[in-house]
Amino acid sequence: MSTLPILFTREQIEMRVAELAAKISRDFAGESLLLVGVLKGAAVFLSDLARAIEVDTSFDFISVASYKDGMNSSGEVRLQKDLDDSIEGRNVLLVEDILDTGLTMTYIHGLLLSRKPKSLKVIALLDKPSRRVKPFKADYVGFEVANQFVVGYGMDHAERYRNLPDIRFVPSA
């Protein structure tokens, strides 16, 4: 399917998603939870996470743009698709595929916080702290990664590779 080197296998991802879901289920025991996925990259992660969480869960999606080309952030974040419903008074878990510069997450987090949720937590499948421009710390993190461009499991390069079941990296040219 792809000759790109594997960073995390399907099995490693499944195990980590199960561990994260168990912790989230404990943290929100007896509560309901709204998962807000950041499109398009977090869709696969959100789907697997939602099935593994053992509390009443619903989900919605938000879409922003910050990449001017396939691999570099423009530094400016634009809202492309807003949530369908109000989050006021609800427990919200913002689901992101990769926490990179912190610009996108800072923007979305601030936007959602202004809408007065009961609680707002952030989960990132991957965290790339070496690229952080704006300080931001997720409440839940799947894996920390080095400064590599990654694809698969929902993440893309020019809309390719989202369907890979594992996470791979694109070697620098």
N, C-alpha and C. Protein backbone atom coordinates (compact mmCIF):
# COMPACT_ATOMS: atom_id res chain seq x y z
N MET A 1 0.83 -1.20 0.00
CA MET A 1 0.00 0.00 0.00
C MET A 1 0.86 1.25 0.00
N SER A 2 1.85 1.31 0.89
CA SER A 2 2.74 2.46 0.91
C SER A 2 4.12 1.99 1.34
N THR A 3 5.13 2.63 0.80
CA THR A 3 6.51 2.28 1.16
C THR A 3 7.08 3.23 2.22
N LEU A 4 6.27 4.15 2.70
CA LEU A 4 6.74 5.08 3.73
C LEU A 4 7.03 4.31 5.03
N PRO A 5 8.08 4.70 5.75
CA PRO A 5 8.42 4.00 7.00
C PRO A 5 7.33 4.15 8.07
N ILE A 6 7.07 3.06 8.78
CA ILE A 6 6.05 3.04 9.84
C ILE A 6 6.62 3.62 11.13
N LEU A 7 5.86 4.53 11.72
CA LEU A 7 6.21 5.12 13.01
C LEU A 7 5.46 4.40 14.13
N PHE A 8 4.13 4.21 13.95
CA PHE A 8 3.30 3.47 14.90
C PHE A 8 2.41 2.51 14.12
N THR A 9 2.39 1.25 14.54
CA THR A 9 1.58 0.23 13.86
C THR A 9 0.11 0.36 14.27
N ARG A 10 -0.73 -0.29 13.51
CA ARG A 10 -2.16 -0.34 13.82
C ARG A 10 -2.37 -0.86 15.24
N GLU A 11 -1.63 -1.90 15.61
CA GLU A 11 -1.78 -2.51 16.94
C GLU A 11 -1.35 -1.54 18.05
N GLN A 12 -0.27 -0.81 17.84
CA GLN A 12 0.18 0.17 18.84
C GLN A 12 -0.88 1.27 19.01
N ILE A 13 -1.45 1.70 17.90
CA ILE A 13 -2.48 2.75 17.95
C ILE A 13 -3.72 2.24 18.67
N GLU A 14 -4.17 1.03 18.33
CA GLU A 14 -5.36 0.45 18.98
C GLU A 14 -5.17 0.35 20.49
N MET A 15 -3.98 -0.09 20.91
CA MET A 15 -3.72 -0.24 22.33
C MET A 15 -3.72 1.13 23.02
N ARG A 16 -3.11 2.12 22.40
CA ARG A 16 -3.05 3.45 23.03
C ARG A 16 -4.42 4.11 23.07
N VAL A 17 -5.21 3.95 22.01
CA VAL A 17 -6.58 4.50 21.99
C VAL A 17 -7.40 3.86 23.11
N ALA A 18 -7.25 2.56 23.31
CA ALA A 18 -7.98 1.87 24.39
C ALA A 18 -7.57 2.42 25.76
N GLU A 19 -6.27 2.66 25.96
CA GLU A 19 -5.79 3.22 27.23
C GLU A 19 -6.35 4.62 27.46
N LEU A 20 -6.31 5.45 26.42
CA LEU A 20 -6.84 6.82 26.54
C LEU A 20 -8.35 6.79 26.82
N ALA A 21 -9.07 5.93 26.12
CA ALA A 21 -10.52 5.83 26.31
C ALA A 21 -10.86 5.39 27.73
N ALA A 22 -10.08 4.47 28.28
CA ALA A 22 -10.32 4.01 29.65
C ALA A 22 -10.13 5.16 30.64
N LYS A 23 -9.09 5.97 30.44
CA LYS A 23 -8.85 7.11 31.33
C LYS A 23 -9.96 8.15 31.19
N ILE A 24 -10.37 8.44 29.97
CA ILE A 24 -11.45 9.40 29.74
C ILE A 24 -12.75 8.89 30.36
N SER A 25 -13.02 7.60 30.22
CA SER A 25 -14.22 7.01 30.81
C SER A 25 -14.22 7.16 32.32
N ARG A 26 -13.06 6.97 32.95
CA ARG A 26 -12.95 7.17 34.41
C ARG A 26 -13.14 8.65 34.77
N ASP A 27 -12.49 9.52 34.00
CA ASP A 27 -12.56 10.96 34.30
C ASP A 27 -13.97 11.53 34.14
N PHE A 28 -14.77 10.95 33.26
CA PHE A 28 -16.12 11.46 33.01
C PHE A 28 -17.21 10.47 33.43
N ALA A 29 -16.88 9.58 34.36
CA ALA A 29 -17.85 8.58 34.84
C ALA A 29 -19.12 9.27 35.33
N GLY A 30 -20.26 8.78 34.88
CA GLY A 30 -21.55 9.33 35.30
C GLY A 30 -21.94 10.60 34.56
N GLU A 31 -21.12 11.06 33.65
CA GLU A 31 -21.38 12.29 32.88
C GLU A 31 -21.59 11.94 31.41
N SER A 32 -22.10 12.90 30.66
CA SER A 32 -22.13 12.72 29.21
C SER A 32 -21.01 13.58 28.64
N LEU A 33 -20.58 13.23 27.44
CA LEU A 33 -19.40 13.86 26.85
C LEU A 33 -19.64 14.12 25.37
N LEU A 34 -19.27 15.31 24.93
CA LEU A 34 -19.34 15.66 23.52
C LEU A 34 -17.92 15.67 22.98
N LEU A 35 -17.66 14.82 21.99
CA LEU A 35 -16.37 14.81 21.32
C LEU A 35 -16.47 15.77 20.14
N VAL A 36 -15.54 16.71 20.05
CA VAL A 36 -15.50 17.64 18.93
C VAL A 36 -14.24 17.34 18.13
N GLY A 37 -14.42 16.77 16.96
CA GLY A 37 -13.30 16.41 16.11
C GLY A 37 -12.90 17.55 15.20
N VAL A 38 -11.59 17.72 15.06
CA VAL A 38 -11.06 18.72 14.15
C VAL A 38 -10.86 18.04 12.79
N LEU A 39 -11.66 18.47 11.81
CA LEU A 39 -11.62 17.87 10.47
C LEU A 39 -10.40 18.32 9.70
N LYS A 40 -9.95 17.48 8.80
CA LYS A 40 -10.38 16.14 8.52
C LYS A 40 -9.54 15.12 9.27
N GLY A 41 -8.37 15.54 9.69
CA GLY A 41 -7.38 14.61 10.24
C GLY A 41 -7.81 13.80 11.44
N ALA A 42 -8.65 14.35 12.32
CA ALA A 42 -9.01 13.65 13.55
C ALA A 42 -10.19 12.69 13.39
N ALA A 43 -10.78 12.61 12.22
CA ALA A 43 -12.00 11.81 12.03
C ALA A 43 -11.80 10.33 12.37
N VAL A 44 -10.72 9.74 11.93
CA VAL A 44 -10.46 8.32 12.18
C VAL A 44 -10.21 8.10 13.67
N PHE A 45 -9.37 8.94 14.27
CA PHE A 45 -9.08 8.86 15.70
C PHE A 45 -10.35 9.02 16.52
N LEU A 46 -11.16 10.01 16.19
CA LEU A 46 -12.41 10.25 16.92
C LEU A 46 -13.32 9.02 16.83
N SER A 47 -13.42 8.42 15.67
CA SER A 47 -14.29 7.25 15.49
C SER A 47 -13.86 6.10 16.40
N ASP A 48 -12.57 5.80 16.41
CA ASP A 48 -12.07 4.71 17.25
C ASP A 48 -12.21 5.05 18.73
N LEU A 49 -11.90 6.28 19.08
CA LEU A 49 -11.99 6.73 20.47
C LEU A 49 -13.44 6.67 20.96
N ALA A 50 -14.37 7.15 20.15
CA ALA A 50 -15.79 7.17 20.54
C ALA A 50 -16.31 5.76 20.82
N ARG A 51 -15.89 4.80 20.02
CA ARG A 51 -16.34 3.41 20.22
C ARG A 51 -15.75 2.80 21.48
N ALA A 52 -14.61 3.31 21.93
CA ALA A 52 -13.94 2.74 23.10
C ALA A 52 -14.32 3.42 24.41
N ILE A 53 -14.85 4.63 24.35
CA ILE A 53 -15.25 5.36 25.56
C ILE A 53 -16.53 4.75 26.11
N GLU A 54 -16.58 4.58 27.44
CA GLU A 54 -17.70 3.89 28.06
C GLU A 54 -18.64 4.82 28.82
N VAL A 55 -18.75 6.08 28.40
CA VAL A 55 -19.75 6.99 28.95
C VAL A 55 -20.62 7.45 27.79
N ASP A 56 -21.75 8.06 28.13
CA ASP A 56 -22.65 8.58 27.10
C ASP A 56 -21.90 9.61 26.26
N THR A 57 -21.75 9.33 24.98
CA THR A 57 -20.92 10.15 24.11
C THR A 57 -21.65 10.51 22.83
N SER A 58 -21.52 11.77 22.43
CA SER A 58 -21.99 12.21 21.12
C SER A 58 -20.84 12.96 20.47
N PHE A 59 -20.98 13.29 19.20
CA PHE A 59 -19.90 14.05 18.60
C PHE A 59 -20.35 15.02 17.54
N ASP A 60 -19.46 16.00 17.32
CA ASP A 60 -19.65 17.07 16.35
C ASP A 60 -18.27 17.34 15.75
N PHE A 61 -18.24 18.18 14.74
CA PHE A 61 -16.97 18.47 14.07
C PHE A 61 -16.81 19.96 13.82
N ILE A 62 -15.56 20.38 13.80
CA ILE A 62 -15.19 21.75 13.47
C ILE A 62 -14.05 21.65 12.46
N SER A 63 -13.97 22.63 11.58
CA SER A 63 -12.90 22.61 10.60
C SER A 63 -12.24 23.97 10.52
N VAL A 64 -10.93 23.97 10.55
CA VAL A 64 -10.15 25.19 10.43
C VAL A 64 -9.05 24.95 9.40
N ALA A 65 -8.49 26.03 8.89
CA ALA A 65 -7.38 25.92 7.95
C ALA A 65 -6.23 26.77 8.46
N SER A 66 -5.02 26.18 8.42
CA SER A 66 -3.84 26.94 8.81
C SER A 66 -2.64 26.61 7.94
N TYR A 67 -2.82 25.69 6.99
CA TYR A 67 -1.70 25.30 6.15
C TYR A 67 -1.78 25.97 4.80
N LYS A 68 -0.70 26.65 4.40
CA LYS A 68 -0.70 27.34 3.11
C LYS A 68 -0.30 26.41 1.98
N ASP A 69 0.46 25.35 2.30
CA ASP A 69 0.77 24.31 1.34
C ASP A 69 0.62 23.00 2.08
N GLY A 70 1.07 21.93 1.54
CA GLY A 70 0.86 20.63 2.17
C GLY A 70 1.57 20.40 3.48
N MET A 71 2.64 21.16 3.77
CA MET A 71 3.46 20.81 4.92
C MET A 71 3.79 21.96 5.87
N ASN A 72 3.51 23.20 5.51
CA ASN A 72 3.91 24.34 6.33
C ASN A 72 2.72 25.18 6.75
N SER A 73 2.69 25.55 8.02
CA SER A 73 1.61 26.37 8.55
C SER A 73 1.77 27.81 8.08
N SER A 74 0.66 28.44 7.78
CA SER A 74 0.68 29.84 7.38
C SER A 74 0.78 30.76 8.60
N GLY A 75 0.47 30.21 9.78
CA GLY A 75 0.48 31.01 11.00
C GLY A 75 -0.85 31.70 11.25
N GLU A 76 -1.75 31.65 10.30
CA GLU A 76 -3.07 32.27 10.41
C GLU A 76 -4.12 31.16 10.39
N VAL A 77 -5.05 31.18 11.32
CA VAL A 77 -6.08 30.15 11.41
C VAL A 77 -7.42 30.73 11.00
N ARG A 78 -8.14 30.00 10.14
CA ARG A 78 -9.46 30.43 9.67
C ARG A 78 -10.47 29.33 9.96
N LEU A 79 -11.63 29.71 10.49
CA LEU A 79 -12.73 28.78 10.72
C LEU A 79 -13.41 28.47 9.40
N GLN A 80 -13.52 27.19 9.05
CA GLN A 80 -14.17 26.79 7.81
C GLN A 80 -15.53 26.14 8.04
N LYS A 81 -15.66 25.37 9.14
CA LYS A 81 -16.93 24.73 9.49
C LYS A 81 -17.08 24.82 11.00
N ASP A 82 -18.19 25.42 11.43
CA ASP A 82 -18.44 25.57 12.85
C ASP A 82 -19.24 24.37 13.36
N LEU A 83 -19.40 24.30 14.67
CA LEU A 83 -20.20 23.24 15.28
C LEU A 83 -21.66 23.39 14.88
N ASP A 84 -22.38 22.27 14.92
CA ASP A 84 -23.80 22.28 14.57
C ASP A 84 -24.68 22.74 15.72
N ASP A 85 -24.25 22.47 16.97
CA ASP A 85 -25.08 22.77 18.14
C ASP A 85 -24.29 23.52 19.20
N SER A 86 -25.02 24.09 20.14
CA SER A 86 -24.42 24.81 21.26
C SER A 86 -23.68 23.82 22.17
N ILE A 87 -22.59 24.29 22.77
CA ILE A 87 -21.85 23.46 23.73
C ILE A 87 -21.99 24.02 25.15
N GLU A 88 -22.79 25.05 25.32
CA GLU A 88 -22.94 25.67 26.63
C GLU A 88 -23.41 24.64 27.66
N GLY A 89 -22.68 24.57 28.78
CA GLY A 89 -23.03 23.66 29.87
C GLY A 89 -22.70 22.19 29.62
N ARG A 90 -21.99 21.89 28.56
CA ARG A 90 -21.67 20.49 28.23
C ARG A 90 -20.20 20.18 28.49
N ASN A 91 -19.92 18.92 28.76
CA ASN A 91 -18.53 18.45 28.85
C ASN A 91 -18.05 18.22 27.42
N VAL A 92 -16.98 18.92 27.05
CA VAL A 92 -16.47 18.84 25.69
C VAL A 92 -15.04 18.32 25.69
N LEU A 93 -14.79 17.37 24.81
CA LEU A 93 -13.43 16.86 24.59
C LEU A 93 -13.07 17.19 23.14
N LEU A 94 -12.13 18.09 22.97
CA LEU A 94 -11.67 18.50 21.66
C LEU A 94 -10.66 17.46 21.17
N VAL A 95 -10.95 16.84 20.03
CA VAL A 95 -10.16 15.72 19.52
C VAL A 95 -9.34 16.19 18.31
N GLU A 96 -8.01 16.13 18.45
CA GLU A 96 -7.09 16.59 17.40
C GLU A 96 -6.15 15.45 17.01
N ASP A 97 -5.80 15.40 15.74
CA ASP A 97 -4.88 14.36 15.30
C ASP A 97 -3.46 14.64 15.76
N ILE A 98 -3.00 15.88 15.56
CA ILE A 98 -1.62 16.20 15.93
C ILE A 98 -1.53 17.63 16.48
N LEU A 99 -0.93 17.76 17.63
CA LEU A 99 -0.67 19.06 18.24
C LEU A 99 0.74 19.46 17.81
N ASP A 100 0.80 20.50 16.97
CA ASP A 100 2.05 20.86 16.32
C ASP A 100 2.52 22.23 16.82
N THR A 101 2.26 23.29 16.08
CA THR A 101 2.72 24.63 16.47
C THR A 101 1.94 25.19 17.66
N GLY A 102 0.72 24.69 17.87
CA GLY A 102 -0.13 25.20 18.94
C GLY A 102 -1.04 26.31 18.48
N LEU A 103 -0.82 26.84 17.29
CA LEU A 103 -1.63 27.96 16.78
C LEU A 103 -3.08 27.55 16.57
N THR A 104 -3.29 26.43 15.88
CA THR A 104 -4.65 25.96 15.61
C THR A 104 -5.38 25.63 16.91
N MET A 105 -4.71 24.88 17.78
CA MET A 105 -5.36 24.46 19.02
C MET A 105 -5.66 25.64 19.92
N THR A 106 -4.77 26.63 19.99
CA THR A 106 -5.01 27.83 20.79
C THR A 106 -6.25 28.55 20.27
N TYR A 107 -6.36 28.67 18.96
CA TYR A 107 -7.52 29.33 18.34
C TYR A 107 -8.81 28.58 18.65
N ILE A 108 -8.85 27.28 18.39
CA ILE A 108 -10.07 26.50 18.61
C ILE A 108 -10.43 26.45 20.09
N HIS A 109 -9.45 26.24 20.94
CA HIS A 109 -9.69 26.16 22.38
C HIS A 109 -10.31 27.46 22.88
N GLY A 110 -9.77 28.59 22.46
CA GLY A 110 -10.32 29.89 22.86
C GLY A 110 -11.73 30.10 22.36
N LEU A 111 -11.96 29.70 21.12
CA LEU A 111 -13.29 29.81 20.52
C LEU A 111 -14.32 29.00 21.31
N LEU A 112 -13.98 27.75 21.61
CA LEU A 112 -14.91 26.88 22.34
C LEU A 112 -15.09 27.32 23.79
N LEU A 113 -14.03 27.77 24.42
CA LEU A 113 -14.11 28.25 25.81
C LEU A 113 -15.07 29.44 25.92
N SER A 114 -15.08 30.29 24.90
CA SER A 114 -15.97 31.47 24.91
C SER A 114 -17.44 31.07 24.84
N ARG A 115 -17.71 29.81 24.50
CA ARG A 115 -19.09 29.33 24.38
C ARG A 115 -19.58 28.66 25.65
N LYS A 116 -18.83 28.80 26.74
CA LYS A 116 -19.21 28.40 28.09
C LYS A 116 -19.56 26.91 28.27
N PRO A 117 -18.65 26.02 27.87
CA PRO A 117 -18.91 24.61 28.17
C PRO A 117 -18.76 24.36 29.67
N LYS A 118 -19.35 23.29 30.16
CA LYS A 118 -19.18 22.90 31.56
C LYS A 118 -17.70 22.59 31.80
N SER A 119 -17.10 21.84 30.88
CA SER A 119 -15.66 21.56 30.93
C SER A 119 -15.16 21.44 29.49
N LEU A 120 -13.89 21.73 29.31
CA LEU A 120 -13.27 21.63 28.00
C LEU A 120 -11.89 21.02 28.16
N LYS A 121 -11.73 19.82 27.62
CA LYS A 121 -10.45 19.10 27.65
C LYS A 121 -10.01 18.87 26.21
N VAL A 122 -8.71 18.63 26.05
CA VAL A 122 -8.13 18.41 24.72
C VAL A 122 -7.39 17.09 24.69
N ILE A 123 -7.63 16.32 23.64
CA ILE A 123 -6.88 15.10 23.40
C ILE A 123 -6.22 15.21 22.03
N ALA A 124 -4.94 14.86 21.98
CA ALA A 124 -4.21 14.84 20.72
C ALA A 124 -3.60 13.45 20.56
N LEU A 125 -3.83 12.84 19.42
CA LEU A 125 -3.23 11.53 19.19
C LEU A 125 -1.71 11.66 19.19
N LEU A 126 -1.21 12.68 18.51
CA LEU A 126 0.23 12.92 18.45
C LEU A 126 0.55 14.31 18.97
N ASP A 127 1.65 14.43 19.68
CA ASP A 127 2.13 15.72 20.17
C ASP A 127 3.55 15.91 19.67
N LYS A 128 3.77 17.06 19.03
CA LYS A 128 5.09 17.38 18.47
C LYS A 128 5.59 18.67 19.15
N PRO A 129 6.02 18.57 20.43
CA PRO A 129 6.38 19.76 21.19
C PRO A 129 7.55 20.57 20.60
N SER A 130 8.40 19.93 19.84
CA SER A 130 9.56 20.65 19.28
C SER A 130 9.14 21.73 18.28
N ARG A 131 7.92 21.66 17.77
CA ARG A 131 7.43 22.63 16.79
C ARG A 131 6.56 23.72 17.41
N ARG A 132 6.36 23.68 18.73
CA ARG A 132 5.44 24.60 19.39
C ARG A 132 5.87 26.05 19.23
N VAL A 133 4.95 26.87 18.72
CA VAL A 133 5.15 28.32 18.60
C VAL A 133 4.36 29.00 19.72
N LYS A 134 3.12 28.52 19.94
CA LYS A 134 2.27 29.00 21.04
C LYS A 134 2.24 27.90 22.09
N PRO A 135 2.52 28.23 23.34
CA PRO A 135 2.48 27.20 24.37
C PRO A 135 1.08 26.60 24.49
N PHE A 136 0.99 25.29 24.43
CA PHE A 136 -0.29 24.61 24.59
C PHE A 136 0.00 23.19 25.04
N LYS A 137 -0.78 22.74 26.03
CA LYS A 137 -0.60 21.39 26.55
C LYS A 137 -1.94 20.67 26.51
N ALA A 138 -1.96 19.53 25.84
CA ALA A 138 -3.18 18.72 25.78
C ALA A 138 -3.38 18.00 27.12
N ASP A 139 -4.64 17.72 27.44
CA ASP A 139 -4.96 16.98 28.67
C ASP A 139 -4.67 15.50 28.52
N TYR A 140 -4.80 15.00 27.29
CA TYR A 140 -4.54 13.59 26.98
C TYR A 140 -3.71 13.56 25.70
N VAL A 141 -2.66 12.73 25.70
CA VAL A 141 -1.80 12.60 24.52
C VAL A 141 -1.56 11.12 24.24
N GLY A 142 -1.69 10.78 22.97
CA GLY A 142 -1.42 9.40 22.56
C GLY A 142 0.07 9.11 22.54
N PHE A 143 0.78 9.81 21.66
CA PHE A 143 2.21 9.60 21.48
C PHE A 143 2.90 10.94 21.27
N GLU A 144 4.11 11.08 21.79
CA GLU A 144 4.93 12.25 21.48
C GLU A 144 5.81 11.86 20.30
N VAL A 145 5.93 12.77 19.34
CA VAL A 145 6.74 12.48 18.15
C VAL A 145 7.77 13.58 17.92
N ALA A 146 8.82 13.21 17.21
CA ALA A 146 9.86 14.16 16.83
C ALA A 146 9.34 15.05 15.70
N ASN A 147 10.14 15.97 15.28
CA ASN A 147 9.76 16.88 14.21
C ASN A 147 9.85 16.18 12.85
N GLN A 148 8.84 15.34 12.59
CA GLN A 148 8.75 14.63 11.32
C GLN A 148 7.36 14.86 10.76
N PHE A 149 7.25 14.82 9.44
CA PHE A 149 5.93 14.97 8.83
C PHE A 149 5.29 13.59 8.78
N VAL A 150 4.13 13.44 9.43
CA VAL A 150 3.48 12.14 9.54
C VAL A 150 2.19 12.07 8.74
N VAL A 151 1.86 10.86 8.30
CA VAL A 151 0.65 10.61 7.54
C VAL A 151 0.04 9.29 8.00
N GLY A 152 -1.20 9.05 7.58
CA GLY A 152 -1.89 7.81 7.91
C GLY A 152 -2.82 8.00 9.08
N TYR A 153 -3.72 7.05 9.26
CA TYR A 153 -4.69 7.07 10.36
C TYR A 153 -5.42 8.42 10.39
N GLY A 154 -5.80 8.90 9.20
CA GLY A 154 -6.55 10.14 9.09
C GLY A 154 -5.72 11.34 8.68
N MET A 155 -4.42 11.29 8.91
CA MET A 155 -3.55 12.42 8.59
C MET A 155 -3.05 12.28 7.15
N ASP A 156 -2.85 13.44 6.52
CA ASP A 156 -2.57 13.41 5.09
C ASP A 156 -1.37 14.25 4.67
N HIS A 157 -1.01 14.05 3.44
CA HIS A 157 -0.12 14.95 2.71
C HIS A 157 -0.81 15.20 1.38
N ALA A 158 -1.29 16.42 1.18
CA ALA A 158 -2.04 16.79 -0.04
C ALA A 158 -3.20 15.82 -0.27
N GLU A 159 -3.93 15.53 0.83
CA GLU A 159 -5.12 14.66 0.83
C GLU A 159 -4.82 13.19 0.55
N ARG A 160 -3.57 12.78 0.52
CA ARG A 160 -3.21 11.38 0.33
C ARG A 160 -2.84 10.75 1.66
N TYR A 161 -2.94 9.45 1.72
CA TYR A 161 -2.50 8.61 2.84
C TYR A 161 -3.43 8.57 4.05
N ARG A 162 -4.54 9.29 4.03
CA ARG A 162 -5.45 9.28 5.19
C ARG A 162 -5.93 7.86 5.52
N ASN A 163 -6.05 7.02 4.52
CA ASN A 163 -6.63 5.69 4.70
C ASN A 163 -5.64 4.65 5.24
N LEU A 164 -4.39 5.00 5.43
CA LEU A 164 -3.43 4.03 5.96
C LEU A 164 -3.82 3.67 7.40
N PRO A 165 -3.76 2.40 7.76
CA PRO A 165 -4.18 1.98 9.10
C PRO A 165 -3.13 2.28 10.18
N ASP A 166 -1.93 2.61 9.77
CA ASP A 166 -0.88 2.93 10.72
C ASP A 166 -0.41 4.36 10.50
N ILE A 167 0.52 4.81 11.33
CA ILE A 167 1.07 6.16 11.18
C ILE A 167 2.48 6.02 10.63
N ARG A 168 2.73 6.73 9.55
CA ARG A 168 4.01 6.67 8.87
C ARG A 168 4.63 8.05 8.79
N PHE A 169 5.91 8.12 8.51
CA PHE A 169 6.51 9.43 8.33
C PHE A 169 7.05 9.58 6.92
N VAL A 170 7.02 10.81 6.47
CA VAL A 170 7.50 11.14 5.14
C VAL A 170 8.94 11.61 5.29
N PRO A 171 9.91 10.82 4.79
CA PRO A 171 11.30 11.25 4.90
C PRO A 171 11.54 12.57 4.20
N SER A 172 12.42 13.41 4.76
CA SER A 172 12.69 14.71 4.13
C SER A 172 13.38 14.50 2.79
N ALA A 173 13.03 15.40 1.90
CA ALA A 173 13.59 15.30 0.54
C ALA A 173 15.00 15.82 0.51
